[in-house]
Amino acid sequence: MKELKENRNSRVLASFVTYAIEHPGQRFYQCLLNWSGRKGILAFVEEDSAMDVKYIQDTYEFENKDG
């Protein structure tokens, strides 16, 4: 794996990864939401060949997503 160059992005990523490791019971989007301290996640989703914007507060919507 390529070594991350020290910059703002790598520090933010390292902070999130540390949080995720410390909270193994949380799913990815639940972890992202809690780590961010925000009330929701804005997601751009493609449905029926149209781009929709969803404001996600219930991260169970991503329960069966990979990645």
C-alpha atoms as a PDB file:
ATOM      1  CA  MET A   1       0.000   0.000   0.000  1.00  0.00           C
ATOM      2  CA  LYS A   2       1.232   3.466  -0.872  1.00  0.00           C
ATOM      3  CA  GLU A   3       2.254   5.636   2.084  1.00  0.00           C
ATOM      4  CA  LEU A   4       0.053   8.669   2.650  1.00  0.00           C
ATOM      5  CA  LYS A   5       1.730  12.019   2.222  1.00  0.00           C
ATOM      6  CA  GLU A   6       1.246  14.190   5.323  1.00  0.00           C
ATOM      7  CA  ASN A   7      -1.386  16.822   4.572  1.00  0.00           C
ATOM      8  CA  ARG A   8      -4.812  17.928   5.756  1.00  0.00           C
ATOM      9  CA  ASN A   9      -6.581  15.114   3.886  1.00  0.00           C
ATOM     10  CA  SER A  10      -4.380  12.414   5.354  1.00  0.00           C
ATOM     11  CA  ARG A  11      -4.872  13.812   8.881  1.00  0.00           C
ATOM     12  CA  VAL A  12      -8.676  13.844   8.472  1.00  0.00           C
ATOM     13  CA  LEU A  13      -8.622  10.319   7.045  1.00  0.00           C
ATOM     14  CA  ALA A  14      -6.403   9.087   9.892  1.00  0.00           C
ATOM     15  CA  SER A  15      -8.790  10.667  12.408  1.00  0.00           C
ATOM     16  CA  PHE A  16     -11.768   8.866  10.866  1.00  0.00           C
ATOM     17  CA  VAL A  17      -9.922   5.536  10.666  1.00  0.00           C
ATOM     18  CA  THR A  18      -8.907   5.846  14.322  1.00  0.00           C
ATOM     19  CA  TYR A  19     -12.530   6.540  15.286  1.00  0.00           C
ATOM     20  CA  ALA A  20     -13.743   3.569  13.209  1.00  0.00           C
ATOM     21  CA  ILE A  21     -11.226   1.221  14.839  1.00  0.00           C
ATOM     22  CA  GLU A  22     -12.275   2.424  18.300  1.00  0.00           C
ATOM     23  CA  HIS A  23     -15.981   1.826  17.489  1.00  0.00           C
ATOM     24  CA  PRO A  24     -16.075  -1.586  15.782  1.00  0.00           C
ATOM     25  CA  GLY A  25     -19.790  -2.085  16.464  1.00  0.00           C
ATOM     26  CA  GLN A  26     -20.790   0.800  14.198  1.00  0.00           C
ATOM     27  CA  ARG A  27     -21.515   0.327  10.515  1.00  0.00           C
ATOM     28  CA  PHE A  28     -19.544   2.495   8.059  1.00  0.00           C
ATOM     29  CA  TYR A  29     -22.134   5.250   7.507  1.00  0.00           C
ATOM     30  CA  GLN A  30     -23.156   5.208  11.165  1.00  0.00           C
ATOM     31  CA  CYS A  31     -19.495   5.626  12.045  1.00  0.00           C
ATOM     32  CA  LEU A  32     -19.067   8.426   9.490  1.00  0.00           C
ATOM     33  CA  LEU A  33     -22.133  10.238  10.809  1.00  0.00           C
ATOM     34  CA  ASN A  34     -21.065   9.951  14.455  1.00  0.00           C
ATOM     35  CA  TRP A  35     -17.434  10.856  13.741  1.00  0.00           C
ATOM     36  CA  SER A  36     -18.476  13.912  11.746  1.00  0.00           C
ATOM     37  CA  GLY A  37     -20.709  15.258  14.498  1.00  0.00           C
ATOM     38  CA  ARG A  38     -23.311  16.209  11.883  1.00  0.00           C
ATOM     39  CA  LYS A  39     -27.039  15.505  11.934  1.00  0.00           C
ATOM     40  CA  GLY A  40     -27.124  13.748   8.579  1.00  0.00           C
ATOM     41  CA  ILE A  41     -25.332  12.819   5.402  1.00  0.00           C
ATOM     42  CA  LEU A  42     -26.198  14.284   2.012  1.00  0.00           C
ATOM     43  CA  ALA A  43     -26.143  11.509  -0.574  1.00  0.00           C
ATOM     44  CA  PHE A  44     -26.430  11.772  -4.332  1.00  0.00           C
ATOM     45  CA  VAL A  45     -28.148   8.668  -5.625  1.00  0.00           C
ATOM     46  CA  GLU A  46     -29.127   7.578  -9.096  1.00  0.00           C
ATOM     47  CA  GLU A  47     -32.610   6.142  -9.367  1.00  0.00           C
ATOM     48  CA  ASP A  48     -34.408   5.449 -12.637  1.00  0.00           C
ATOM     49  CA  SER A  49     -31.682   7.226 -14.643  1.00  0.00           C
ATOM     50  CA  ALA A  50     -32.212  10.457 -12.690  1.00  0.00           C
ATOM     51  CA  MET A  51     -29.999  11.968 -10.034  1.00  0.00           C
ATOM     52  CA  ASP A  52     -31.761  12.483  -6.724  1.00  0.00           C
ATOM     53  CA  VAL A  53     -30.432  14.055  -3.548  1.00  0.00           C
ATOM     54  CA  LYS A  54     -31.259  12.397  -0.260  1.00  0.00           C
ATOM     55  CA  TYR A  55     -30.618  13.726   3.208  1.00  0.00           C
ATOM     56  CA  ILE A  56     -29.828  10.638   5.251  1.00  0.00           C
ATOM     57  CA  GLN A  57     -30.264  10.530   8.983  1.00  0.00           C
ATOM     58  CA  ASP A  58     -31.142   6.857   9.280  1.00  0.00           C
ATOM     59  CA  THR A  59     -27.954   5.044   8.330  1.00  0.00           C
ATOM     60  CA  TYR A  60     -29.733   1.668   8.311  1.00  0.00           C
ATOM     61  CA  GLU A  61     -30.584   2.527   4.705  1.00  0.00           C
ATOM     62  CA  PHE A  62     -27.013   1.461   3.911  1.00  0.00           C
ATOM     63  CA  GLU A  63     -27.178  -1.802   5.880  1.00  0.00           C
ATOM     64  CA  ASN A  64     -26.679  -4.080   2.862  1.00  0.00           C
ATOM     65  CA  LYS A  65     -24.240  -1.905   0.914  1.00  0.00           C
ATOM     66  CA  ASP A  66     -20.719  -3.123   0.265  1.00  0.00           C
ATOM     67  CA  GLY A  67     -17.688  -0.909   0.596  1.00  0.00           C
END
